[in-house]
Amino acid sequence: MNYVDYVKPAVGTLLQKLKLDKKYVSAKDGNLYYINEQGKTVEVRDFIGGYGSLVLGHNCKPLVDYARQLLEDNIPVHDQLSIKKYTGLLAKAISDEIGLHTGKEYISTFTNSGAETVEVAIKHAPFKKIERAERHSGPGTQKPERHQQFDGEREYTGINVQWQVLCKF
């Protein structure tokens, strides 16, 4: 079995022992499907759901239809050095939604994976530590060293971090 031999031998062996070593051939809504030894399609209810990435289910029809439309419209995907219209619209919607509760504006950093999200959180942690130290420092206390960044409209203060849904200063 290629997966067990060349991808994740320990996980593959465990899945075999637990009888969870299915090779799924399709997925729809909250179900996965595999072909059993008799050649019959077997439906399996997916309660894990990609650990949250599939909150709307596998191959959610409205999302699939929208993705197809975007592909047919030739929407740019990897236009890295550009102003991304749809990313900006999503970031504004997030800022507006959170701002309803806080009265502030926010900046978003979007990530592609759980690992990248953890990396952003780790880079953000020193900023929060400095923010807490500044809040609790009294007169005469040495303030943490900071640098400033100005984007033409707003000024940000931090220590070489990526911002994950961070308040406007």
N, C-alpha and C. Protein backbone atom coordinates (compact mmCIF):
# COMPACT_ATOMS: atom_id res chain seq x y z
N MET A 1 0.86 -1.18 0.00
CA MET A 1 0.00 0.00 0.00
C MET A 1 0.90 1.23 0.00
N ASN A 2 0.83 2.07 -1.03
CA ASN A 2 1.73 3.21 -1.17
C ASN A 2 1.68 4.19 -0.01
N TYR A 3 0.49 4.48 0.50
CA TYR A 3 0.37 5.44 1.60
C TYR A 3 1.13 4.96 2.82
N VAL A 4 0.91 3.69 3.16
CA VAL A 4 1.57 3.12 4.34
C VAL A 4 3.08 3.05 4.11
N ASP A 5 3.50 2.69 2.93
CA ASP A 5 4.92 2.50 2.65
C ASP A 5 5.68 3.81 2.43
N TYR A 6 5.04 4.81 1.81
CA TYR A 6 5.78 5.98 1.37
C TYR A 6 5.34 7.33 1.94
N VAL A 7 4.22 7.36 2.65
CA VAL A 7 3.75 8.64 3.17
C VAL A 7 3.83 8.68 4.69
N LYS A 8 3.00 7.89 5.34
CA LYS A 8 2.96 7.88 6.81
C LYS A 8 2.87 6.44 7.30
N PRO A 9 4.00 5.76 7.37
CA PRO A 9 3.97 4.35 7.76
C PRO A 9 3.30 4.10 9.11
N ALA A 10 3.62 4.88 10.14
CA ALA A 10 3.05 4.64 11.47
C ALA A 10 1.55 4.89 11.48
N VAL A 11 1.11 6.01 10.87
CA VAL A 11 -0.32 6.32 10.83
C VAL A 11 -1.06 5.29 9.99
N GLY A 12 -0.49 4.93 8.85
CA GLY A 12 -1.11 3.94 7.99
C GLY A 12 -1.28 2.60 8.67
N THR A 13 -0.25 2.18 9.40
CA THR A 13 -0.32 0.91 10.13
C THR A 13 -1.40 0.97 11.21
N LEU A 14 -1.48 2.08 11.92
CA LEU A 14 -2.50 2.25 12.95
C LEU A 14 -3.91 2.21 12.32
N LEU A 15 -4.08 2.92 11.20
CA LEU A 15 -5.39 2.91 10.52
C LEU A 15 -5.77 1.49 10.10
N GLN A 16 -4.80 0.71 9.63
CA GLN A 16 -5.08 -0.68 9.26
C GLN A 16 -5.53 -1.47 10.48
N LYS A 17 -4.83 -1.34 11.60
CA LYS A 17 -5.17 -2.09 12.81
C LYS A 17 -6.55 -1.71 13.33
N LEU A 18 -6.93 -0.45 13.17
CA LEU A 18 -8.23 0.03 13.64
C LEU A 18 -9.34 -0.19 12.60
N LYS A 19 -8.98 -0.79 11.47
CA LYS A 19 -9.94 -1.02 10.37
C LYS A 19 -10.50 0.30 9.82
N LEU A 20 -9.67 1.33 9.87
CA LEU A 20 -10.05 2.64 9.34
C LEU A 20 -9.28 2.96 8.06
N ASP A 21 -8.70 1.96 7.44
CA ASP A 21 -7.84 2.16 6.28
C ASP A 21 -8.63 2.17 4.97
N LYS A 22 -9.65 2.99 4.92
CA LYS A 22 -10.50 3.08 3.74
C LYS A 22 -9.85 4.00 2.71
N LYS A 23 -10.10 3.72 1.47
CA LYS A 23 -9.67 4.58 0.36
C LYS A 23 -10.94 5.21 -0.20
N TYR A 24 -11.22 6.40 0.27
CA TYR A 24 -12.46 7.06 -0.14
C TYR A 24 -12.37 7.49 -1.59
N VAL A 25 -13.47 7.29 -2.32
CA VAL A 25 -13.50 7.62 -3.75
C VAL A 25 -14.34 8.85 -4.05
N SER A 26 -15.19 9.24 -3.10
CA SER A 26 -15.99 10.45 -3.30
C SER A 26 -16.49 10.95 -1.95
N ALA A 27 -17.02 12.18 -1.97
CA ALA A 27 -17.53 12.80 -0.75
C ALA A 27 -18.61 13.80 -1.14
N LYS A 28 -19.66 13.86 -0.31
CA LYS A 28 -20.74 14.82 -0.54
C LYS A 28 -21.40 15.13 0.79
N ASP A 29 -21.63 16.41 1.02
CA ASP A 29 -22.25 16.86 2.26
C ASP A 29 -21.47 16.30 3.46
N GLY A 30 -22.11 15.58 4.36
CA GLY A 30 -21.44 15.05 5.54
C GLY A 30 -21.01 13.60 5.39
N ASN A 31 -20.86 13.13 4.15
CA ASN A 31 -20.57 11.71 3.92
C ASN A 31 -19.35 11.50 3.04
N LEU A 32 -18.66 10.39 3.33
CA LEU A 32 -17.56 9.90 2.50
C LEU A 32 -17.99 8.55 1.93
N TYR A 33 -17.41 8.15 0.80
CA TYR A 33 -17.80 6.91 0.16
C TYR A 33 -16.55 6.12 -0.25
N TYR A 34 -16.61 4.80 -0.03
CA TYR A 34 -15.54 3.92 -0.49
C TYR A 34 -16.17 2.69 -1.12
N ILE A 35 -15.36 1.95 -1.86
CA ILE A 35 -15.81 0.72 -2.50
C ILE A 35 -15.32 -0.45 -1.65
N ASN A 36 -16.25 -1.31 -1.19
CA ASN A 36 -15.84 -2.45 -0.35
C ASN A 36 -15.33 -3.61 -1.20
N GLU A 37 -14.96 -4.70 -0.53
CA GLU A 37 -14.39 -5.88 -1.21
C GLU A 37 -15.36 -6.50 -2.22
N GLN A 38 -16.66 -6.30 -2.03
CA GLN A 38 -17.67 -6.84 -2.94
C GLN A 38 -17.97 -5.88 -4.10
N GLY A 39 -17.26 -4.76 -4.15
CA GLY A 39 -17.47 -3.80 -5.23
C GLY A 39 -18.63 -2.85 -5.01
N LYS A 40 -19.19 -2.86 -3.82
CA LYS A 40 -20.33 -2.00 -3.50
C LYS A 40 -19.85 -0.70 -2.87
N THR A 41 -20.56 0.38 -3.19
CA THR A 41 -20.26 1.67 -2.59
C THR A 41 -20.82 1.72 -1.17
N VAL A 42 -19.97 2.11 -0.23
CA VAL A 42 -20.36 2.18 1.17
C VAL A 42 -20.28 3.65 1.62
N GLU A 43 -21.39 4.10 2.23
CA GLU A 43 -21.46 5.47 2.74
C GLU A 43 -21.00 5.50 4.20
N VAL A 44 -20.14 6.46 4.52
CA VAL A 44 -19.65 6.64 5.89
C VAL A 44 -19.94 8.08 6.30
N ARG A 45 -20.61 8.25 7.43
CA ARG A 45 -20.90 9.58 7.95
C ARG A 45 -19.61 10.17 8.51
N ASP A 46 -19.25 11.37 8.06
CA ASP A 46 -18.01 12.03 8.49
C ASP A 46 -18.31 12.99 9.63
N PHE A 47 -18.02 12.56 10.84
CA PHE A 47 -18.24 13.41 12.00
C PHE A 47 -17.02 14.25 12.34
N ILE A 48 -15.91 14.00 11.69
CA ILE A 48 -14.69 14.79 11.95
C ILE A 48 -14.71 16.05 11.10
N GLY A 49 -15.15 15.95 9.86
CA GLY A 49 -15.34 17.11 9.00
C GLY A 49 -14.11 17.96 8.79
N GLY A 50 -12.95 17.32 8.60
CA GLY A 50 -11.73 18.09 8.34
C GLY A 50 -11.36 18.97 9.51
N TYR A 51 -11.73 18.57 10.72
CA TYR A 51 -11.43 19.34 11.94
C TYR A 51 -11.92 20.77 11.81
N GLY A 52 -13.03 20.97 11.13
CA GLY A 52 -13.63 22.29 11.01
C GLY A 52 -13.52 22.91 9.63
N SER A 53 -12.61 22.41 8.79
CA SER A 53 -12.45 23.00 7.46
C SER A 53 -13.62 22.66 6.55
N LEU A 54 -14.40 21.69 6.93
CA LEU A 54 -15.56 21.27 6.12
C LEU A 54 -16.86 21.52 6.87
N VAL A 55 -16.93 22.64 7.55
CA VAL A 55 -18.10 22.93 8.37
C VAL A 55 -19.38 22.93 7.52
N LEU A 56 -19.27 23.21 6.24
CA LEU A 56 -20.44 23.18 5.35
C LEU A 56 -20.57 21.86 4.61
N GLY A 57 -19.69 20.92 4.92
CA GLY A 57 -19.76 19.60 4.30
C GLY A 57 -18.79 19.46 3.14
N HIS A 58 -18.66 18.23 2.68
CA HIS A 58 -17.81 17.94 1.53
C HIS A 58 -18.49 18.42 0.25
N ASN A 59 -17.76 19.10 -0.58
CA ASN A 59 -18.25 19.51 -1.90
C ASN A 59 -19.60 20.22 -1.81
N CYS A 60 -19.70 21.14 -0.89
CA CYS A 60 -20.93 21.91 -0.68
C CYS A 60 -21.35 22.55 -2.01
N LYS A 61 -22.54 22.23 -2.49
CA LYS A 61 -22.97 22.65 -3.82
C LYS A 61 -22.87 24.16 -4.06
N PRO A 62 -23.37 25.01 -3.17
CA PRO A 62 -23.23 26.45 -3.43
C PRO A 62 -21.76 26.89 -3.54
N LEU A 63 -20.89 26.31 -2.73
CA LEU A 63 -19.47 26.66 -2.82
C LEU A 63 -18.83 26.14 -4.09
N VAL A 64 -19.18 24.91 -4.47
CA VAL A 64 -18.66 24.34 -5.71
C VAL A 64 -19.13 25.17 -6.90
N ASP A 65 -20.41 25.53 -6.92
CA ASP A 65 -20.94 26.34 -8.02
C ASP A 65 -20.22 27.68 -8.09
N TYR A 66 -19.99 28.29 -6.93
CA TYR A 66 -19.30 29.60 -6.90
C TYR A 66 -17.85 29.46 -7.36
N ALA A 67 -17.18 28.40 -6.91
CA ALA A 67 -15.79 28.17 -7.33
C ALA A 67 -15.72 27.97 -8.85
N ARG A 68 -16.67 27.21 -9.40
CA ARG A 68 -16.71 27.00 -10.85
C ARG A 68 -16.89 28.33 -11.59
N GLN A 69 -17.80 29.15 -11.06
CA GLN A 69 -18.05 30.46 -11.68
C GLN A 69 -16.79 31.32 -11.67
N LEU A 70 -16.08 31.33 -10.54
CA LEU A 70 -14.84 32.10 -10.45
C LEU A 70 -13.81 31.59 -11.45
N LEU A 71 -13.70 30.27 -11.59
CA LEU A 71 -12.76 29.70 -12.57
C LEU A 71 -13.17 30.07 -13.99
N GLU A 72 -14.47 29.98 -14.29
CA GLU A 72 -14.95 30.34 -15.62
C GLU A 72 -14.73 31.82 -15.92
N ASP A 73 -14.79 32.65 -14.87
CA ASP A 73 -14.57 34.09 -15.04
C ASP A 73 -13.09 34.46 -15.07
N ASN A 74 -12.22 33.46 -14.97
CA ASN A 74 -10.77 33.68 -15.00
C ASN A 74 -10.30 34.66 -13.92
N ILE A 75 -10.87 34.54 -12.72
CA ILE A 75 -10.47 35.40 -11.60
C ILE A 75 -9.01 35.10 -11.26
N PRO A 76 -8.17 36.12 -11.13
CA PRO A 76 -6.76 35.88 -10.76
C PRO A 76 -6.67 35.19 -9.40
N VAL A 77 -5.76 34.23 -9.29
CA VAL A 77 -5.59 33.49 -8.05
C VAL A 77 -4.26 33.84 -7.39
N HIS A 78 -3.17 33.76 -8.11
CA HIS A 78 -1.85 34.01 -7.53
C HIS A 78 -1.25 35.30 -8.10
N ASP A 79 -1.94 36.39 -7.89
CA ASP A 79 -1.48 37.71 -8.33
C ASP A 79 -0.83 38.40 -7.13
N GLN A 80 0.32 37.86 -6.72
CA GLN A 80 0.91 38.22 -5.44
C GLN A 80 1.26 39.69 -5.28
N LEU A 81 1.83 40.30 -6.26
CA LEU A 81 2.21 41.71 -6.15
C LEU A 81 1.12 42.59 -6.75
N SER A 82 -0.03 42.63 -6.08
CA SER A 82 -1.13 43.42 -6.59
C SER A 82 -2.07 43.77 -5.44
N ILE A 83 -3.01 44.65 -5.74
CA ILE A 83 -4.08 44.96 -4.80
C ILE A 83 -5.19 43.96 -5.08
N LYS A 84 -5.46 43.09 -4.13
CA LYS A 84 -6.42 42.01 -4.33
C LYS A 84 -7.82 42.46 -3.89
N LYS A 85 -8.68 42.70 -4.87
CA LYS A 85 -10.02 43.24 -4.62
C LYS A 85 -10.82 42.37 -3.65
N TYR A 86 -10.89 41.07 -3.91
CA TYR A 86 -11.76 40.20 -3.11
C TYR A 86 -11.18 39.96 -1.71
N THR A 87 -9.86 39.92 -1.61
CA THR A 87 -9.25 39.81 -0.29
C THR A 87 -9.57 41.04 0.54
N GLY A 88 -9.52 42.19 -0.11
CA GLY A 88 -9.86 43.43 0.58
C GLY A 88 -11.32 43.47 1.02
N LEU A 89 -12.22 42.98 0.17
CA LEU A 89 -13.64 42.94 0.53
C LEU A 89 -13.88 42.03 1.73
N LEU A 90 -13.21 40.87 1.74
CA LEU A 90 -13.36 39.95 2.87
C LEU A 90 -12.79 40.56 4.15
N ALA A 91 -11.61 41.17 4.05
CA ALA A 91 -10.99 41.79 5.23
C ALA A 91 -11.88 42.90 5.80
N LYS A 92 -12.47 43.69 4.92
CA LYS A 92 -13.36 44.76 5.39
C LYS A 92 -14.59 44.18 6.07
N ALA A 93 -15.15 43.11 5.50
CA ALA A 93 -16.32 42.48 6.11
C ALA A 93 -15.99 41.94 7.50
N ILE A 94 -14.81 41.35 7.65
CA ILE A 94 -14.38 40.86 8.97
C ILE A 94 -14.21 42.02 9.93
N SER A 95 -13.53 43.08 9.49
CA SER A 95 -13.32 44.26 10.33
C SER A 95 -14.66 44.86 10.75
N ASP A 96 -15.57 44.98 9.81
CA ASP A 96 -16.89 45.56 10.12
C ASP A 96 -17.65 44.71 11.13
N GLU A 97 -17.61 43.39 10.96
CA GLU A 97 -18.33 42.50 11.87
C GLU A 97 -17.78 42.58 13.30
N ILE A 98 -16.46 42.51 13.43
CA ILE A 98 -15.85 42.60 14.76
C ILE A 98 -16.02 44.01 15.31
N GLY A 99 -15.92 45.00 14.43
CA GLY A 99 -16.07 46.39 14.84
C GLY A 99 -17.45 46.72 15.40
N LEU A 100 -18.46 45.97 14.98
CA LEU A 100 -19.80 46.16 15.56
C LEU A 100 -19.78 45.97 17.07
N HIS A 101 -18.88 45.11 17.54
CA HIS A 101 -18.82 44.77 18.96
C HIS A 101 -17.76 45.57 19.72
N THR A 102 -16.77 46.10 18.99
CA THR A 102 -15.66 46.77 19.67
C THR A 102 -15.56 48.26 19.38
N GLY A 103 -16.18 48.69 18.28
CA GLY A 103 -16.06 50.08 17.87
C GLY A 103 -14.72 50.42 17.24
N LYS A 104 -13.94 49.41 16.84
CA LYS A 104 -12.62 49.62 16.25
C LYS A 104 -12.57 49.06 14.84
N GLU A 105 -11.51 49.41 14.12
CA GLU A 105 -11.24 48.81 12.81
C GLU A 105 -10.13 47.79 12.97
N TYR A 106 -10.11 46.80 12.09
CA TYR A 106 -9.14 45.72 12.19
C TYR A 106 -8.44 45.47 10.87
N ILE A 107 -7.25 44.91 10.96
CA ILE A 107 -6.47 44.48 9.80
C ILE A 107 -6.37 42.97 9.88
N SER A 108 -6.53 42.28 8.75
CA SER A 108 -6.50 40.82 8.73
C SER A 108 -5.26 40.31 8.01
N THR A 109 -4.74 39.20 8.48
CA THR A 109 -3.71 38.44 7.78
C THR A 109 -4.33 37.08 7.50
N PHE A 110 -4.38 36.70 6.24
CA PHE A 110 -4.97 35.43 5.86
C PHE A 110 -3.87 34.40 5.70
N THR A 111 -4.17 33.18 6.11
CA THR A 111 -3.19 32.10 6.04
C THR A 111 -3.75 30.95 5.22
N ASN A 112 -2.85 30.06 4.79
CA ASN A 112 -3.23 28.95 3.92
C ASN A 112 -3.30 27.61 4.63
N SER A 113 -2.80 27.54 5.85
CA SER A 113 -2.74 26.25 6.52
C SER A 113 -2.76 26.46 8.03
N GLY A 114 -2.99 25.38 8.74
CA GLY A 114 -2.93 25.44 10.19
C GLY A 114 -1.53 25.83 10.66
N ALA A 115 -0.51 25.28 10.00
CA ALA A 115 0.87 25.59 10.40
C ALA A 115 1.17 27.07 10.21
N GLU A 116 0.71 27.63 9.10
CA GLU A 116 0.95 29.06 8.86
C GLU A 116 0.18 29.91 9.87
N THR A 117 -1.00 29.49 10.24
CA THR A 117 -1.79 30.21 11.23
C THR A 117 -1.08 30.20 12.59
N VAL A 118 -0.53 29.05 12.96
CA VAL A 118 0.23 28.96 14.21
C VAL A 118 1.45 29.87 14.15
N GLU A 119 2.13 29.90 13.01
CA GLU A 119 3.29 30.78 12.84
C GLU A 119 2.90 32.24 13.06
N VAL A 120 1.79 32.66 12.48
CA VAL A 120 1.32 34.04 12.65
C VAL A 120 1.02 34.31 14.12
N ALA A 121 0.38 33.35 14.79
CA ALA A 121 0.06 33.52 16.21
C ALA A 121 1.33 33.65 17.05
N ILE A 122 2.34 32.86 16.73
CA ILE A 122 3.60 32.93 17.47
C ILE A 122 4.28 34.28 17.23
N LYS A 123 4.24 34.76 16.01
CA LYS A 123 4.83 36.07 15.71
C LYS A 123 4.04 37.20 16.37
N HIS A 124 2.77 36.98 16.60
CA HIS A 124 1.92 38.00 17.21
C HIS A 124 2.10 38.04 18.74
N ALA A 125 2.48 36.92 19.32
CA ALA A 125 2.59 36.81 20.78
C ALA A 125 3.50 37.87 21.40
N PRO A 126 4.69 38.15 20.86
CA PRO A 126 5.54 39.18 21.48
C PRO A 126 4.87 40.56 21.50
N PHE A 127 4.08 40.86 20.47
CA PHE A 127 3.36 42.14 20.45
C PHE A 127 2.40 42.23 21.62
N LYS A 128 1.65 41.15 21.85
CA LYS A 128 0.69 41.14 22.96
C LYS A 128 1.42 41.26 24.30
N LYS A 129 2.60 40.67 24.40
CA LYS A 129 3.38 40.75 25.64
C LYS A 129 3.79 42.19 25.90
N ILE A 130 4.26 42.87 24.86
CA ILE A 130 4.65 44.28 24.99
C ILE A 130 3.44 45.13 25.33
N GLU A 131 2.31 44.84 24.67
CA GLU A 131 1.08 45.60 24.94
C GLU A 131 0.69 45.47 26.41
N ARG A 132 0.75 44.26 26.95
CA ARG A 132 0.43 44.04 28.36
C ARG A 132 1.41 44.75 29.27
N ALA A 133 2.70 44.69 28.93
CA ALA A 133 3.73 45.33 29.75
C ALA A 133 3.51 46.84 29.78
N GLU A 134 3.14 47.43 28.66
CA GLU A 134 2.90 48.87 28.62
C GLU A 134 1.68 49.25 29.44
N ARG A 135 0.66 48.41 29.42
CA ARG A 135 -0.55 48.67 30.20
C ARG A 135 -0.28 48.65 31.70
N HIS A 136 0.63 47.78 32.12
CA HIS A 136 0.88 47.57 33.55
C HIS A 136 2.12 48.29 34.07
N SER A 137 2.81 49.02 33.21
CA SER A 137 4.03 49.68 33.69
C SER A 137 3.68 51.03 34.30
N GLY A 138 4.36 51.34 35.39
CA GLY A 138 4.09 52.59 36.10
C GLY A 138 5.06 53.68 35.69
N PRO A 139 4.97 54.84 36.31
CA PRO A 139 5.88 55.95 36.00
C PRO A 139 7.32 55.54 36.30
N GLY A 140 8.21 55.93 35.42
CA GLY A 140 9.62 55.64 35.61
C GLY A 140 10.02 54.24 35.17
N THR A 141 9.06 53.42 34.79
CA THR A 141 9.36 52.07 34.34
C THR A 141 9.86 52.14 32.91
N GLN A 142 10.90 51.37 32.60
CA GLN A 142 11.43 51.36 31.25
C GLN A 142 10.42 50.70 30.32
N LYS A 143 10.06 51.41 29.27
CA LYS A 143 9.09 50.90 28.31
C LYS A 143 9.79 49.92 27.35
N PRO A 144 9.07 48.91 26.87
CA PRO A 144 9.66 48.00 25.89
C PRO A 144 10.02 48.76 24.61
N GLU A 145 11.06 48.30 23.94
CA GLU A 145 11.50 48.95 22.70
C GLU A 145 10.54 48.58 21.58
N ARG A 146 10.16 49.57 20.79
CA ARG A 146 9.23 49.35 19.70
C ARG A 146 9.71 50.07 18.45
N HIS A 147 9.26 49.63 17.32
CA HIS A 147 9.48 50.39 16.09
C HIS A 147 8.12 50.69 15.49
N GLN A 148 8.07 51.68 14.60
CA GLN A 148 6.80 52.07 14.02
C GLN A 148 6.82 51.87 12.52
N GLN A 149 5.65 51.62 11.98
CA GLN A 149 5.48 51.45 10.55
C GLN A 149 4.31 52.32 10.13
N PHE A 150 4.46 53.02 9.03
CA PHE A 150 3.40 53.91 8.57
C PHE A 150 3.07 53.55 7.14
N ASP A 151 1.78 53.32 6.86
CA ASP A 151 1.39 52.91 5.51
C ASP A 151 0.77 54.04 4.71
N GLY A 152 0.90 55.27 5.16
CA GLY A 152 0.34 56.41 4.45
C GLY A 152 -0.96 56.88 5.06
N GLU A 153 -1.68 55.98 5.73
CA GLU A 153 -2.94 56.35 6.36
C GLU A 153 -2.94 56.04 7.86
N ARG A 154 -2.36 54.91 8.23
CA ARG A 154 -2.41 54.47 9.61
C ARG A 154 -1.01 54.14 10.08
N GLU A 155 -0.78 54.32 11.34
CA GLU A 155 0.51 53.99 11.93
C GLU A 155 0.35 52.74 12.78
N TYR A 156 1.28 51.81 12.66
CA TYR A 156 1.25 50.58 13.42
C TYR A 156 2.51 50.50 14.25
N THR A 157 2.41 49.92 15.39
CA THR A 157 3.55 49.74 16.25
C THR A 157 3.68 48.27 16.57
N GLY A 158 4.88 47.74 16.54
CA GLY A 158 5.06 46.32 16.84
C GLY A 158 6.51 45.93 16.80
N ILE A 159 6.78 44.64 16.87
CA ILE A 159 8.14 44.15 16.81
C ILE A 159 8.23 43.05 15.75
N ASN A 160 8.29 43.46 14.51
CA ASN A 160 8.46 42.56 13.38
C ASN A 160 7.51 41.37 13.44
N VAL A 161 6.23 41.65 13.48
CA VAL A 161 5.23 40.58 13.54
C VAL A 161 4.27 40.71 12.37
N GLN A 162 3.59 39.62 12.06
CA GLN A 162 2.48 39.67 11.12
C GLN A 162 1.23 39.85 11.95
N TRP A 163 0.31 40.65 11.46
CA TRP A 163 -0.88 40.97 12.25
C TRP A 163 -2.02 40.03 11.91
N GLN A 164 -2.60 39.41 12.91
CA GLN A 164 -3.75 38.53 12.73
C GLN A 164 -4.96 39.22 13.35
N VAL A 165 -5.82 39.76 12.51
CA VAL A 165 -7.00 40.48 12.94
C VAL A 165 -6.65 41.38 14.14
N LEU A 166 -5.90 42.44 13.85
CA LEU A 166 -5.32 43.27 14.88
C LEU A 166 -5.93 44.65 14.87
N CYS A 167 -6.14 45.22 16.04
CA CYS A 167 -6.75 46.53 16.15
C CYS A 167 -5.96 47.59 15.43
N LYS A 168 -6.66 48.54 14.86
CA LYS A 168 -6.05 49.74 14.31
C LYS A 168 -5.58 50.60 15.49
N PHE A 169 -4.41 51.20 15.35
CA PHE A 169 -3.88 52.06 16.42
C PHE A 169 -4.18 53.49 16.14
